[in-house]
N, C-alpha and C. Protein backbone atom coordinates (compact mmCIF):
# COMPACT_ATOMS: atom_id res chain seq x y z
N MET A 1 -96.89 36.18 80.16
CA MET A 1 -95.03 35.78 79.86
C MET A 1 -94.74 36.69 81.20
N LYS A 2 -93.43 35.84 81.71
CA LYS A 2 -92.59 36.35 82.73
C LYS A 2 -91.68 37.94 82.12
N GLN A 3 -91.54 38.96 83.35
CA GLN A 3 -91.47 40.07 82.37
C GLN A 3 -89.54 39.96 82.42
N GLN A 4 -89.36 38.87 83.26
CA GLN A 4 -87.98 38.72 82.31
C GLN A 4 -87.57 38.33 80.43
N GLU A 5 -89.13 37.75 80.09
CA GLU A 5 -88.77 37.38 79.06
C GLU A 5 -89.42 38.51 78.34
N ARG A 6 -89.82 39.81 78.27
CA ARG A 6 -90.51 40.76 77.58
C ARG A 6 -89.19 41.17 76.82
N GLN A 7 -89.83 41.31 75.44
CA GLN A 7 -89.06 41.69 74.21
C GLN A 7 -88.50 43.60 74.97
N ALA A 8 -87.24 43.89 74.56
CA ALA A 8 -87.39 45.09 74.85
C ALA A 8 -87.25 46.19 73.60
N ALA A 9 -88.64 47.34 73.49
CA ALA A 9 -88.65 48.13 72.60
C ALA A 9 -87.35 48.70 72.13
N PRO A 10 -87.96 48.72 70.56
CA PRO A 10 -87.06 49.43 69.87
C PRO A 10 -86.33 50.65 70.77
N ALA A 11 -85.27 51.05 70.19
CA ALA A 11 -85.00 51.99 70.78
C ALA A 11 -85.21 53.14 70.58
N VAL A 12 -85.45 53.55 69.01
CA VAL A 12 -85.86 54.76 68.67
C VAL A 12 -87.30 54.41 68.08
N PHE A 13 -88.68 55.58 68.12
CA PHE A 13 -90.17 55.36 68.03
C PHE A 13 -90.18 56.72 67.14
N ASP A 14 -90.36 57.25 66.02
CA ASP A 14 -90.46 58.19 66.12
C ASP A 14 -92.09 58.06 65.66
N HIS A 15 -92.77 57.54 65.26
CA HIS A 15 -94.23 57.40 64.48
C HIS A 15 -95.46 58.33 66.11
N GLY A 16 -95.64 59.13 66.64
CA GLY A 16 -97.00 59.87 66.81
C GLY A 16 -96.85 58.96 68.74
N ARG A 17 -97.54 58.40 69.14
CA ARG A 17 -97.76 57.72 70.38
C ARG A 17 -97.35 56.80 70.43
N LEU A 18 -96.47 55.49 70.96
CA LEU A 18 -96.14 54.03 72.03
C LEU A 18 -96.96 53.90 72.97
N PHE A 19 -97.99 53.03 72.57
CA PHE A 19 -98.66 52.70 74.02
C PHE A 19 -98.48 51.55 74.27
N GLU A 20 -97.98 51.16 75.35
CA GLU A 20 -97.08 49.66 75.49
C GLU A 20 -97.65 49.33 77.60
N GLY A 21 -98.44 48.66 78.09
CA GLY A 21 -99.05 48.09 79.11
C GLY A 21 -97.95 47.86 80.45
N ASP A 22 -97.78 48.03 81.87
CA ASP A 22 -97.25 47.75 83.08
C ASP A 22 -97.19 46.40 83.03
N PRO A 23 -96.92 45.84 82.65
CA PRO A 23 -96.92 44.34 83.25
C PRO A 23 -97.10 44.20 84.76
N SER A 24 -96.46 45.10 85.80
CA SER A 24 -96.04 44.75 86.91
C SER A 24 -96.86 45.15 88.24
N ARG A 25 -97.86 46.76 87.58
CA ARG A 25 -98.62 47.39 88.19
C ARG A 25 -99.85 47.84 87.51
N LEU A 26 -101.07 47.53 88.36
CA LEU A 26 -102.30 48.10 87.96
C LEU A 26 -103.02 49.41 88.16
N PRO A 27 -103.44 50.10 87.67
CA PRO A 27 -103.56 51.10 88.31
C PRO A 27 -105.37 51.33 88.97
N SER A 28 -105.15 52.06 89.98
CA SER A 28 -105.57 52.10 90.80
C SER A 28 -106.97 52.29 90.75
N GLY A 29 -107.75 51.59 91.93
CA GLY A 29 -109.11 51.08 92.13
C GLY A 29 -109.65 49.91 90.87
N VAL A 30 -108.78 50.00 90.34
CA VAL A 30 -110.19 48.43 89.06
C VAL A 30 -110.31 47.54 89.86
N ARG A 31 -111.39 46.28 89.20
CA ARG A 31 -111.74 45.36 90.19
C ARG A 31 -111.39 44.36 88.62
N VAL A 32 -110.67 43.09 89.32
CA VAL A 32 -110.90 41.89 87.93
C VAL A 32 -111.86 40.26 88.50
N ALA A 33 -112.17 39.89 87.75
CA ALA A 33 -112.34 38.75 87.78
C ALA A 33 -112.16 37.57 87.43
N ILE A 34 -112.42 36.51 88.14
CA ILE A 34 -111.71 35.33 87.46
C ILE A 34 -112.64 34.05 87.85
N VAL A 35 -112.56 33.54 86.60
CA VAL A 35 -113.95 31.96 86.17
C VAL A 35 -113.28 31.33 86.48
N VAL A 36 -113.09 30.24 87.16
CA VAL A 36 -112.38 29.38 87.11
C VAL A 36 -113.33 27.59 87.53
N SER A 37 -112.84 26.74 86.73
CA SER A 37 -113.69 25.39 86.42
C SER A 37 -113.53 24.46 87.84
N ARG A 38 -114.71 24.08 88.36
CA ARG A 38 -114.29 22.80 89.62
C ARG A 38 -113.92 21.79 88.94
N TYR A 39 -114.29 21.06 87.74
CA TYR A 39 -113.30 19.86 87.23
C TYR A 39 -112.07 20.06 86.86
N ASN A 40 -111.23 19.09 87.53
CA ASN A 40 -109.72 18.92 87.62
C ASN A 40 -109.23 20.35 88.69
N ALA A 41 -110.40 20.17 89.45
CA ALA A 41 -109.79 21.15 90.98
C ALA A 41 -108.43 20.80 91.03
N ALA A 42 -107.61 19.97 91.49
CA ALA A 42 -106.15 19.85 91.67
C ALA A 42 -105.26 20.40 90.40
N VAL A 43 -105.90 20.64 89.36
CA VAL A 43 -105.07 21.82 88.63
C VAL A 43 -105.08 23.17 88.89
N THR A 44 -107.22 24.07 88.78
CA THR A 44 -107.42 24.70 88.76
C THR A 44 -107.07 25.74 89.89
N GLU A 45 -107.40 24.62 90.89
CA GLU A 45 -107.47 25.61 92.44
C GLU A 45 -105.32 26.09 92.39
N ARG A 46 -104.93 25.80 91.58
CA ARG A 46 -103.33 26.22 91.78
C ARG A 46 -103.67 26.91 90.76
N MET A 47 -104.15 27.04 90.00
CA MET A 47 -103.79 28.24 88.82
C MET A 47 -104.45 29.46 89.50
N LEU A 48 -105.29 29.31 90.12
CA LEU A 48 -106.45 29.95 90.71
C LEU A 48 -105.55 30.87 92.03
N ALA A 49 -104.44 29.55 92.46
CA ALA A 49 -104.09 31.12 94.19
C ALA A 49 -102.42 31.68 92.62
N GLY A 50 -102.36 30.76 92.09
CA GLY A 50 -101.61 32.05 91.20
C GLY A 50 -101.90 32.93 90.30
N ALA A 51 -102.38 33.07 89.80
CA ALA A 51 -103.41 34.20 89.34
C ALA A 51 -103.69 35.13 90.70
N ALA A 52 -104.46 34.64 91.36
CA ALA A 52 -104.41 35.66 92.70
C ALA A 52 -103.72 36.46 93.44
N ARG A 53 -102.37 35.34 93.54
CA ARG A 53 -101.32 36.04 93.75
C ARG A 53 -100.27 36.87 93.39
N THR A 54 -100.70 36.74 91.66
CA THR A 54 -99.57 38.11 90.63
C THR A 54 -100.48 39.46 90.62
N LEU A 55 -101.94 39.36 90.81
CA LEU A 55 -102.89 40.34 90.95
C LEU A 55 -102.71 41.16 92.17
N ALA A 56 -102.55 40.46 92.97
CA ALA A 56 -102.07 41.07 94.60
C ALA A 56 -100.83 41.78 94.64
N ALA A 57 -99.83 40.88 93.95
CA ALA A 57 -98.20 41.71 94.02
C ALA A 57 -98.79 42.36 92.96
N ALA A 58 -99.40 43.17 91.83
CA ALA A 58 -99.52 44.57 90.93
C ALA A 58 -100.35 45.09 91.80
N GLY A 59 -100.77 44.83 93.26
CA GLY A 59 -100.98 45.90 93.67
C GLY A 59 -103.40 45.86 93.63
N LEU A 60 -104.11 44.72 93.27
CA LEU A 60 -105.01 44.47 93.40
C LEU A 60 -105.24 44.09 94.79
N ASP A 61 -106.21 44.77 95.56
CA ASP A 61 -106.85 44.55 96.76
C ASP A 61 -107.80 43.47 96.65
N ARG A 62 -107.72 42.19 97.41
CA ARG A 62 -108.54 41.38 97.79
C ARG A 62 -109.54 41.53 97.41
N TYR A 63 -110.07 42.41 97.69
CA TYR A 63 -111.73 42.52 97.95
C TYR A 63 -112.35 42.60 96.78
N ARG A 64 -111.01 43.39 95.79
CA ARG A 64 -111.73 43.98 93.98
C ARG A 64 -111.46 42.94 93.62
N LEU A 65 -111.24 41.63 94.05
CA LEU A 65 -111.09 40.75 93.10
C LEU A 65 -112.44 39.33 93.31
N ASP A 66 -113.25 39.31 91.66
CA ASP A 66 -114.14 38.39 91.95
C ASP A 66 -113.97 37.44 92.08
N VAL A 67 -114.51 36.39 92.55
CA VAL A 67 -114.02 34.44 91.62
C VAL A 67 -115.69 33.93 92.00
N ALA A 68 -115.97 33.24 90.55
CA ALA A 68 -117.00 33.08 89.91
C ALA A 68 -116.51 31.29 89.62
N ARG A 69 -116.93 30.62 90.39
CA ARG A 69 -116.87 28.86 90.21
C ARG A 69 -118.05 28.40 89.23
N VAL A 70 -117.45 27.60 88.22
CA VAL A 70 -118.19 26.72 86.96
C VAL A 70 -118.11 25.19 87.29
N PRO A 71 -119.16 24.44 86.63
CA PRO A 71 -118.66 23.40 87.15
C PRO A 71 -117.57 22.39 86.31
N GLY A 72 -117.64 22.97 84.51
CA GLY A 72 -116.56 23.26 83.87
C GLY A 72 -115.84 23.76 82.78
N ALA A 73 -115.34 23.72 82.34
CA ALA A 73 -114.40 24.24 81.10
C ALA A 73 -115.47 24.97 79.78
N PHE A 74 -116.25 23.94 79.42
CA PHE A 74 -117.47 24.44 79.08
C PHE A 74 -118.26 25.55 79.51
N GLU A 75 -118.40 25.84 80.45
CA GLU A 75 -119.58 26.47 81.42
C GLU A 75 -118.49 27.71 81.35
N LEU A 76 -117.70 28.10 81.10
CA LEU A 76 -116.57 29.40 81.66
C LEU A 76 -117.45 30.27 80.87
N PRO A 77 -116.76 30.21 79.29
CA PRO A 77 -117.83 31.84 78.83
C PRO A 77 -119.37 31.93 78.73
N VAL A 78 -120.14 31.29 79.35
CA VAL A 78 -120.89 32.12 79.21
C VAL A 78 -120.89 33.33 81.01
N VAL A 79 -120.37 32.49 81.94
CA VAL A 79 -120.03 33.26 82.93
C VAL A 79 -119.15 34.32 82.70
N ALA A 80 -118.16 34.18 82.17
CA ALA A 80 -117.49 34.83 81.65
C ALA A 80 -117.76 36.41 80.75
N ASP A 81 -118.95 36.19 80.26
CA ASP A 81 -119.95 36.92 78.60
C ASP A 81 -120.21 37.58 80.15
N ARG A 82 -121.56 36.73 81.08
CA ARG A 82 -121.84 37.88 82.00
C ARG A 82 -121.03 38.66 82.61
N LEU A 83 -119.90 38.45 83.30
CA LEU A 83 -119.24 39.75 83.99
C LEU A 83 -118.78 40.38 83.05
N ALA A 84 -118.48 40.37 82.02
CA ALA A 84 -117.85 41.37 81.18
C ALA A 84 -118.87 42.33 80.80
N ALA A 85 -119.95 41.72 80.97
CA ALA A 85 -121.52 42.21 80.11
C ALA A 85 -121.71 43.16 81.21
N THR A 86 -121.24 43.64 83.01
CA THR A 86 -121.70 44.63 83.77
C THR A 86 -120.46 45.53 83.55
N GLY A 87 -119.43 45.36 82.53
CA GLY A 87 -118.51 46.43 82.66
C GLY A 87 -117.97 47.01 83.82
N GLU A 88 -118.23 46.20 84.55
CA GLU A 88 -117.21 46.57 86.23
C GLU A 88 -116.02 45.29 86.60
N TYR A 89 -115.82 45.30 85.36
CA TYR A 89 -114.33 44.54 85.42
C TYR A 89 -113.59 45.11 84.57
N ALA A 90 -111.89 44.94 84.89
CA ALA A 90 -111.55 45.69 83.64
C ALA A 90 -110.63 44.23 83.26
N ALA A 91 -110.77 43.02 83.58
CA ALA A 91 -111.10 42.09 82.69
C ALA A 91 -111.57 40.88 83.44
N VAL A 92 -111.16 39.71 82.67
CA VAL A 92 -111.79 38.76 83.39
C VAL A 92 -111.08 37.52 82.59
N ILE A 93 -110.48 36.90 83.80
CA ILE A 93 -109.65 36.20 83.67
C ILE A 93 -110.03 34.36 83.77
N CYS A 94 -110.26 33.59 82.65
CA CYS A 94 -110.87 32.26 82.46
C CYS A 94 -109.97 30.88 82.51
N LEU A 95 -110.05 30.09 83.83
CA LEU A 95 -108.98 29.50 84.26
C LEU A 95 -109.93 27.81 83.59
N GLY A 96 -108.77 26.57 83.56
CA GLY A 96 -109.93 25.42 83.50
C GLY A 96 -108.63 24.46 82.54
N ALA A 97 -109.09 22.90 82.58
CA ALA A 97 -108.09 22.41 82.05
C ALA A 97 -108.60 21.35 82.22
N ILE A 98 -108.12 20.75 80.19
CA ILE A 98 -109.15 19.88 79.46
C ILE A 98 -108.01 19.18 79.59
N ILE A 99 -108.41 17.74 79.68
CA ILE A 99 -107.01 16.28 79.97
C ILE A 99 -108.15 15.67 78.62
N ARG A 100 -106.64 15.20 77.84
CA ARG A 100 -107.45 14.65 76.81
C ARG A 100 -108.20 13.02 77.25
N GLY A 101 -108.97 12.33 76.59
CA GLY A 101 -109.78 11.26 76.70
C GLY A 101 -108.81 10.02 75.92
N GLU A 102 -110.10 9.23 75.55
CA GLU A 102 -110.46 8.23 74.84
C GLU A 102 -110.70 8.70 73.61
N THR A 103 -111.61 9.01 73.63
CA THR A 103 -111.81 10.29 72.57
C THR A 103 -111.60 11.32 72.45
N THR A 104 -112.60 11.82 71.06
CA THR A 104 -111.68 13.38 70.86
C THR A 104 -113.27 14.93 71.22
N HIS A 105 -113.32 13.90 72.52
CA HIS A 105 -114.44 15.31 72.99
C HIS A 105 -114.25 16.29 73.35
N ASP A 106 -112.63 16.77 74.39
CA ASP A 106 -111.70 17.40 74.52
C ASP A 106 -111.60 18.17 73.65
N GLN A 107 -111.29 17.68 72.48
CA GLN A 107 -110.86 18.79 70.80
C GLN A 107 -111.91 19.59 71.21
N HIS A 108 -113.45 18.92 70.85
CA HIS A 108 -114.67 19.75 70.67
C HIS A 108 -115.38 21.05 71.76
N ILE A 109 -114.19 20.24 72.88
CA ILE A 109 -114.54 21.01 73.69
C ILE A 109 -114.02 22.34 74.34
N ALA A 110 -112.36 22.25 73.76
CA ALA A 110 -111.50 22.69 73.62
C ALA A 110 -111.72 24.12 72.75
N ALA A 111 -112.11 23.32 71.62
CA ALA A 111 -112.03 24.63 70.35
C ALA A 111 -113.34 25.24 71.21
N ALA A 112 -115.01 24.41 71.44
CA ALA A 112 -115.95 25.78 71.12
C ALA A 112 -114.81 26.94 72.97
N VAL A 113 -114.42 26.11 73.91
CA VAL A 113 -114.52 27.32 75.23
C VAL A 113 -113.56 28.19 74.41
N ALA A 114 -112.51 27.80 74.09
CA ALA A 114 -111.35 28.92 73.05
C ALA A 114 -112.39 30.28 72.04
N GLN A 115 -112.99 29.59 71.39
CA GLN A 115 -113.95 30.23 70.01
C GLN A 115 -114.53 31.29 71.02
N GLY A 116 -115.50 30.85 72.44
CA GLY A 116 -116.51 31.55 73.08
C GLY A 116 -115.43 32.57 73.99
N ILE A 117 -114.62 32.39 73.95
CA ILE A 117 -113.45 33.20 75.16
C ILE A 117 -113.19 34.49 74.15
N GLU A 118 -112.79 33.62 73.06
CA GLU A 118 -111.92 35.47 72.13
C GLU A 118 -112.98 35.93 72.14
N GLU A 119 -114.59 35.69 71.25
CA GLU A 119 -115.39 36.01 71.00
C GLU A 119 -116.12 37.39 72.21
N ILE A 120 -116.14 37.07 73.24
CA ILE A 120 -116.61 37.90 74.12
C ILE A 120 -115.82 38.86 74.46
N GLY A 121 -114.01 38.78 74.69
CA GLY A 121 -113.31 39.79 74.99
C GLY A 121 -113.65 40.92 73.46
N ARG A 122 -113.69 40.72 72.15
CA ARG A 122 -114.16 41.43 71.16
C ARG A 122 -115.54 42.18 71.41
N ALA A 123 -116.42 41.42 71.48
CA ALA A 123 -117.47 42.06 71.57
C ALA A 123 -117.83 43.02 72.52
N ARG A 124 -116.89 42.93 74.04
CA ARG A 124 -117.18 43.27 75.13
C ARG A 124 -115.98 44.39 75.61
N GLY A 125 -115.01 43.92 74.86
CA GLY A 125 -114.05 45.36 74.31
C GLY A 125 -113.49 45.60 75.69
N THR A 126 -113.50 44.39 76.91
CA THR A 126 -112.98 43.82 77.94
C THR A 126 -111.50 42.92 77.41
N PRO A 127 -110.56 42.82 77.80
CA PRO A 127 -109.55 41.86 77.95
C PRO A 127 -110.16 40.26 78.47
N VAL A 128 -110.32 39.30 77.80
CA VAL A 128 -110.91 37.86 78.31
C VAL A 128 -110.04 37.36 78.05
N LEU A 129 -109.40 36.50 79.37
CA LEU A 129 -107.76 35.75 79.32
C LEU A 129 -107.89 33.81 79.19
N PHE A 130 -107.23 33.44 78.22
CA PHE A 130 -107.53 32.20 78.28
C PHE A 130 -106.78 31.15 78.75
N GLY A 131 -107.19 31.45 79.95
CA GLY A 131 -106.22 29.91 80.91
C GLY A 131 -106.87 28.83 80.76
N VAL A 132 -106.83 28.45 80.03
CA VAL A 132 -107.18 27.27 79.68
C VAL A 132 -106.64 26.27 79.07
N LEU A 133 -106.08 24.82 80.05
CA LEU A 133 -104.90 24.41 79.41
C LEU A 133 -105.37 22.95 79.37
N THR A 134 -104.84 23.05 77.91
CA THR A 134 -105.25 21.80 76.74
C THR A 134 -104.53 20.18 76.85
N CYS A 135 -104.03 19.48 77.72
CA CYS A 135 -102.89 18.45 78.07
C CYS A 135 -103.57 17.33 77.58
N GLN A 136 -102.54 16.03 77.64
CA GLN A 136 -102.39 15.19 76.92
C GLN A 136 -102.47 14.14 78.68
N SER A 137 -102.14 14.55 79.68
CA SER A 137 -101.89 13.73 81.16
C SER A 137 -102.38 14.73 81.78
N ILE A 138 -103.11 14.17 83.25
CA ILE A 138 -103.32 14.95 84.05
C ILE A 138 -102.09 15.29 84.61
N GLU A 139 -100.35 14.64 84.72
CA GLU A 139 -98.97 15.28 85.38
C GLU A 139 -99.05 15.94 83.87
N GLN A 140 -98.92 16.67 82.84
CA GLN A 140 -98.82 18.18 82.08
C GLN A 140 -99.65 18.78 82.42
N ALA A 141 -101.15 18.74 83.28
CA ALA A 141 -102.06 19.81 83.11
C ALA A 141 -101.43 19.77 84.72
N VAL A 142 -100.57 19.17 85.63
CA VAL A 142 -100.35 19.76 87.43
C VAL A 142 -99.14 20.28 86.68
N ALA A 143 -98.26 20.13 85.08
CA ALA A 143 -96.79 20.70 86.24
C ALA A 143 -96.94 22.36 85.29
N ARG A 144 -98.36 22.11 84.37
CA ARG A 144 -98.40 23.53 83.97
C ARG A 144 -99.27 24.71 84.62
N ALA A 145 -99.50 24.20 85.74
CA ALA A 145 -100.51 24.86 87.32
C ALA A 145 -99.29 24.88 88.08
N GLY A 146 -98.15 24.49 88.24
CA GLY A 146 -97.58 25.38 89.02
C GLY A 146 -96.47 23.97 89.31
N GLY A 147 -97.12 23.07 88.90
CA GLY A 147 -96.03 21.61 89.23
C GLY A 147 -96.04 21.41 90.93
N ASP A 148 -94.52 20.71 91.00
CA ASP A 148 -94.78 20.14 92.47
C ASP A 148 -94.24 21.65 92.40
N GLU A 149 -95.06 22.21 94.08
CA GLU A 149 -93.91 23.24 95.38
C GLU A 149 -92.37 23.40 95.41
N ARG A 150 -91.94 22.20 95.43
CA ARG A 150 -90.20 22.05 95.30
C ARG A 150 -89.76 22.57 94.27
N VAL A 151 -90.35 22.24 93.44
CA VAL A 151 -89.83 22.20 92.35
C VAL A 151 -89.73 23.81 91.26
N ALA A 152 -88.96 24.88 91.20
CA ALA A 152 -88.94 26.51 90.65
C ALA A 152 -89.26 25.95 89.75
N ALA A 153 -89.13 25.52 88.72
CA ALA A 153 -89.09 24.83 86.75
C ALA A 153 -90.39 24.79 86.42
N HIS A 154 -91.31 24.52 87.54
CA HIS A 154 -92.69 25.03 86.16
C HIS A 154 -93.29 26.07 86.57
N SER A 155 -93.65 26.68 85.29
CA SER A 155 -95.00 27.71 85.37
C SER A 155 -95.87 27.24 85.47
N ASN A 156 -96.72 28.51 85.89
CA ASN A 156 -98.19 28.42 86.52
C ASN A 156 -99.11 29.20 85.46
N LYS A 157 -99.81 28.52 84.34
CA LYS A 157 -100.37 29.39 83.62
C LYS A 157 -101.82 29.91 84.15
N GLY A 158 -101.47 29.91 85.60
CA GLY A 158 -102.68 31.20 86.22
C GLY A 158 -101.70 32.35 86.40
N GLU A 159 -100.76 32.33 86.79
CA GLU A 159 -99.58 33.79 87.21
C GLU A 159 -99.59 33.76 85.70
N GLU A 160 -99.85 33.77 84.76
CA GLU A 160 -99.24 34.02 83.12
C GLU A 160 -100.66 34.44 82.68
N CYS A 161 -101.54 34.30 83.36
CA CYS A 161 -102.75 34.83 82.63
C CYS A 161 -103.15 36.09 83.01
N ALA A 162 -102.90 35.96 84.35
CA ALA A 162 -103.17 37.33 85.87
C ALA A 162 -101.93 38.40 85.27
N GLU A 163 -100.76 37.79 84.80
CA GLU A 163 -99.54 39.02 84.00
C GLU A 163 -100.22 39.44 83.09
N ALA A 164 -100.76 38.69 82.04
CA ALA A 164 -101.27 38.96 80.75
C ALA A 164 -102.58 40.37 80.66
N ALA A 165 -103.45 39.62 81.89
CA ALA A 165 -104.59 40.73 82.58
C ALA A 165 -103.94 42.17 82.31
N ILE A 166 -103.09 41.99 83.74
CA ILE A 166 -102.23 43.59 84.15
C ILE A 166 -101.70 44.20 83.16
N GLU A 167 -101.26 43.88 81.98
CA GLU A 167 -101.12 44.17 81.64
C GLU A 167 -101.74 45.09 80.17
N MET A 168 -103.05 44.42 79.92
CA MET A 168 -104.18 44.51 79.05
C MET A 168 -104.66 45.55 80.20
N ILE A 169 -105.22 45.28 80.83
CA ILE A 169 -105.43 46.74 82.11
C ILE A 169 -104.56 47.91 81.77
N SER A 170 -103.69 47.82 81.80
CA SER A 170 -102.92 48.64 82.23
C SER A 170 -102.23 50.14 80.44
N LEU A 171 -102.38 48.72 79.29
CA LEU A 171 -102.30 49.47 78.68
C LEU A 171 -103.58 49.48 77.77
N LEU A 172 -105.23 49.28 78.08
CA LEU A 172 -106.15 50.30 78.28
C LEU A 172 -106.44 51.26 78.79
N HIS A 173 -105.66 51.09 80.08
CA HIS A 173 -106.10 52.56 80.79
C HIS A 173 -105.07 54.00 80.03
N GLN A 174 -104.50 53.46 79.61
CA GLN A 174 -103.04 54.44 78.82
C GLN A 174 -103.81 55.27 77.75
N ILE A 175 -104.24 54.15 77.57
CA ILE A 175 -105.00 54.60 75.61
C ILE A 175 -105.83 55.40 75.77
N ALA A 176 -106.94 54.78 76.80
CA ALA A 176 -108.09 55.45 77.62
C ALA A 176 -107.96 57.04 77.76
N THR A 177 -106.91 57.63 78.60
CA THR A 177 -106.19 58.44 79.59
C THR A 177 -105.85 58.84 78.16
N ALA A 178 -105.10 58.82 77.38
CA ALA A 178 -104.08 59.71 76.36
C ALA A 178 -105.56 59.88 75.45
N THR A 179 -106.14 59.06 74.90
CA THR A 179 -107.45 59.90 73.95
C THR A 179 -109.07 60.40 74.58
N GLY A 180 -108.79 59.97 75.47
CA GLY A 180 -109.84 60.78 76.38
C GLY A 180 -111.02 60.05 76.66
N GLY A 181 -110.89 58.80 76.92
CA GLY A 181 -111.70 57.47 76.63
C GLY A 181 -112.20 56.86 77.62
N LYS A 182 -113.09 56.63 77.84
CA LYS A 182 -113.86 55.55 79.24
C LYS A 182 -112.54 54.80 79.80
N THR A 183 -112.01 54.66 81.25
CA THR A 183 -111.18 54.27 82.09
C THR A 183 -112.39 53.11 82.88
N ARG A 184 -111.58 52.39 83.27
CA ARG A 184 -112.89 51.24 84.24
C ARG A 184 -112.05 51.15 85.50
């Protein structure tokens, strides 16, 4: 979510503590992983570049960003799970592009990947972000991966996932700090 699109918090909050992540700045010392599909690389490499730029702008040192490349979107969950299981990463961002073909194969892949990624985040207690495009055409996918660099109107799903990761890392860090829990 772009910062300018964020909803303003209610003016009055009178119920204990309010936790809200900062989408612009990472806590110091965190490490982030990105798992990116090589399939549809013309799309996923743009998403990876957007995510890396966004994380760097939030203060992540480039040596604290690890990237794992997998053959296709279907392989994203197994590698994301392995990375999340190490406990070294404050978040794992999954990037892929599934383009509709002549059969329903894309729908089965997309459903399995979405379910796998969601289950990892819940099971590991680590934000695992779903940056997998599910598009009708390569043109739609390119547009959602930053589009033509000469046109600023396009969004980049990699950037959006990195922004969500930053906010979730910040939020979980805030909760852990306030409650005496472990931070990563």
